[in-house]
Amino acid sequence: MKNQPTSISFPEQYRHLQDLTVSQVCQVLQISQPTVWRLVKQGMLQKYSIGRSARIRIESVTKLRGDSDA
């Protein structure tokens, strides 16, 4: 899947975080929420839950984008 942008660096406001919400992942990867959930289902993004809230591991987002500056 080649939907990840390559010209946009990882947003500064998220660099200090260890985990991202689904909405934050949508902003970073510039994809829709259904696409985020599809990537989670395919195992390309690592998710865990806190109650009813989902968090995505920032390492899996940077790995998917091919970044090394997070």
C-alpha atoms as a PDB file:
ATOM      1  CA  MET A   1       0.000   0.000   0.000  1.00  0.00           C
ATOM      2  CA  LYS A   2       1.594   3.247  -1.133  1.00  0.00           C
ATOM      3  CA  ASN A   3      -0.779   5.856   0.366  1.00  0.00           C
ATOM      4  CA  GLN A   4       1.714   7.429   2.757  1.00  0.00           C
ATOM      5  CA  PRO A   5       2.934  10.934   1.870  1.00  0.00           C
ATOM      6  CA  THR A   6       6.668  11.292   1.475  1.00  0.00           C
ATOM      7  CA  SER A   7       7.074  15.069   1.264  1.00  0.00           C
ATOM      8  CA  ILE A   8       5.510  15.908   4.651  1.00  0.00           C
ATOM      9  CA  SER A   9       7.648  15.388   7.746  1.00  0.00           C
ATOM     10  CA  PHE A  10       6.239  13.998  10.992  1.00  0.00           C
ATOM     11  CA  PRO A  11       4.284  16.815  12.718  1.00  0.00           C
ATOM     12  CA  GLU A  12       6.223  18.460  15.525  1.00  0.00           C
ATOM     13  CA  GLN A  13       3.232  18.393  17.903  1.00  0.00           C
ATOM     14  CA  TYR A  14       3.229  14.563  17.856  1.00  0.00           C
ATOM     15  CA  ARG A  15       6.984  13.900  18.148  1.00  0.00           C
ATOM     16  CA  HIS A  16       6.915  13.718  21.962  1.00  0.00           C
ATOM     17  CA  LEU A  17       4.037  11.226  22.064  1.00  0.00           C
ATOM     18  CA  GLN A  18       4.469   7.464  22.313  1.00  0.00           C
ATOM     19  CA  ASP A  19       1.007   6.707  20.985  1.00  0.00           C
ATOM     20  CA  LEU A  20      -1.531   8.436  18.742  1.00  0.00           C
ATOM     21  CA  THR A  21      -5.297   8.482  18.549  1.00  0.00           C
ATOM     22  CA  VAL A  22      -6.959   7.288  15.360  1.00  0.00           C
ATOM     23  CA  SER A  23      -7.710  10.919  14.446  1.00  0.00           C
ATOM     24  CA  GLN A  24      -4.069  11.884  14.886  1.00  0.00           C
ATOM     25  CA  VAL A  25      -2.980   8.971  12.695  1.00  0.00           C
ATOM     26  CA  CYS A  26      -5.436  10.178  10.041  1.00  0.00           C
ATOM     27  CA  GLN A  27      -3.811  13.622  10.115  1.00  0.00           C
ATOM     28  CA  VAL A  28      -0.255  12.295  10.040  1.00  0.00           C
ATOM     29  CA  LEU A  29      -0.804   9.789   7.243  1.00  0.00           C
ATOM     30  CA  GLN A  30      -3.440  11.883   5.468  1.00  0.00           C
ATOM     31  CA  ILE A  31      -5.834   8.955   5.233  1.00  0.00           C
ATOM     32  CA  SER A  32      -9.394   8.298   6.377  1.00  0.00           C
ATOM     33  CA  GLN A  33     -10.467   6.519   9.566  1.00  0.00           C
ATOM     34  CA  PRO A  34     -11.675   3.443   7.666  1.00  0.00           C
ATOM     35  CA  THR A  35      -8.226   3.177   6.092  1.00  0.00           C
ATOM     36  CA  VAL A  36      -6.588   3.366   9.536  1.00  0.00           C
ATOM     37  CA  TRP A  37      -8.825   0.542  10.764  1.00  0.00           C
ATOM     38  CA  ARG A  38      -8.038  -1.479   7.628  1.00  0.00           C
ATOM     39  CA  LEU A  39      -4.300  -1.048   8.280  1.00  0.00           C
ATOM     40  CA  VAL A  40      -4.836  -2.154  11.901  1.00  0.00           C
ATOM     41  CA  LYS A  41      -6.757  -5.224  10.720  1.00  0.00           C
ATOM     42  CA  GLN A  42      -3.977  -6.040   8.227  1.00  0.00           C
ATOM     43  CA  GLY A  43      -1.402  -5.767  11.027  1.00  0.00           C
ATOM     44  CA  MET A  44       0.404  -2.788   9.497  1.00  0.00           C
ATOM     45  CA  LEU A  45      -0.467  -0.558  12.476  1.00  0.00           C
ATOM     46  CA  GLN A  46      -0.293  -1.728  16.104  1.00  0.00           C
ATOM     47  CA  LYS A  47      -3.344  -0.839  18.188  1.00  0.00           C
ATOM     48  CA  TYR A  48      -4.249  -1.208  21.815  1.00  0.00           C
ATOM     49  CA  SER A  49      -7.289  -0.057  23.748  1.00  0.00           C
ATOM     50  CA  ILE A  50      -7.769   2.073  26.826  1.00  0.00           C
ATOM     51  CA  GLY A  51     -11.371   1.474  27.762  1.00  0.00           C
ATOM     52  CA  ARG A  52     -13.276   2.259  24.578  1.00  0.00           C
ATOM     53  CA  SER A  53     -10.514   4.443  23.146  1.00  0.00           C
ATOM     54  CA  ALA A  54      -7.978   3.100  20.677  1.00  0.00           C
ATOM     55  CA  ARG A  55      -4.334   4.134  20.537  1.00  0.00           C
ATOM     56  CA  ILE A  56      -1.910   3.418  17.719  1.00  0.00           C
ATOM     57  CA  ARG A  57       1.774   2.858  18.488  1.00  0.00           C
ATOM     58  CA  ILE A  58       3.788   5.713  17.021  1.00  0.00           C
ATOM     59  CA  GLU A  59       6.534   3.256  16.038  1.00  0.00           C
ATOM     60  CA  SER A  60       4.148   1.489  13.672  1.00  0.00           C
ATOM     61  CA  VAL A  61       3.125   4.819  12.107  1.00  0.00           C
ATOM     62  CA  THR A  62       6.724   5.869  11.505  1.00  0.00           C
ATOM     63  CA  LYS A  63       7.560   2.418  10.149  1.00  0.00           C
ATOM     64  CA  LEU A  64       4.631   2.610   7.729  1.00  0.00           C
ATOM     65  CA  ARG A  65       5.692   6.065   6.543  1.00  0.00           C
ATOM     66  CA  GLY A  66       9.323   5.074   6.291  1.00  0.00           C
ATOM     67  CA  ASP A  67      10.397   7.941   8.568  1.00  0.00           C
ATOM     68  CA  SER A  68      13.256   7.759  11.017  1.00  0.00           C
ATOM     69  CA  ASP A  69      12.846  11.199  12.635  1.00  0.00           C
ATOM     70  CA  ALA A  70      10.121  10.447  15.200  1.00  0.00           C
END
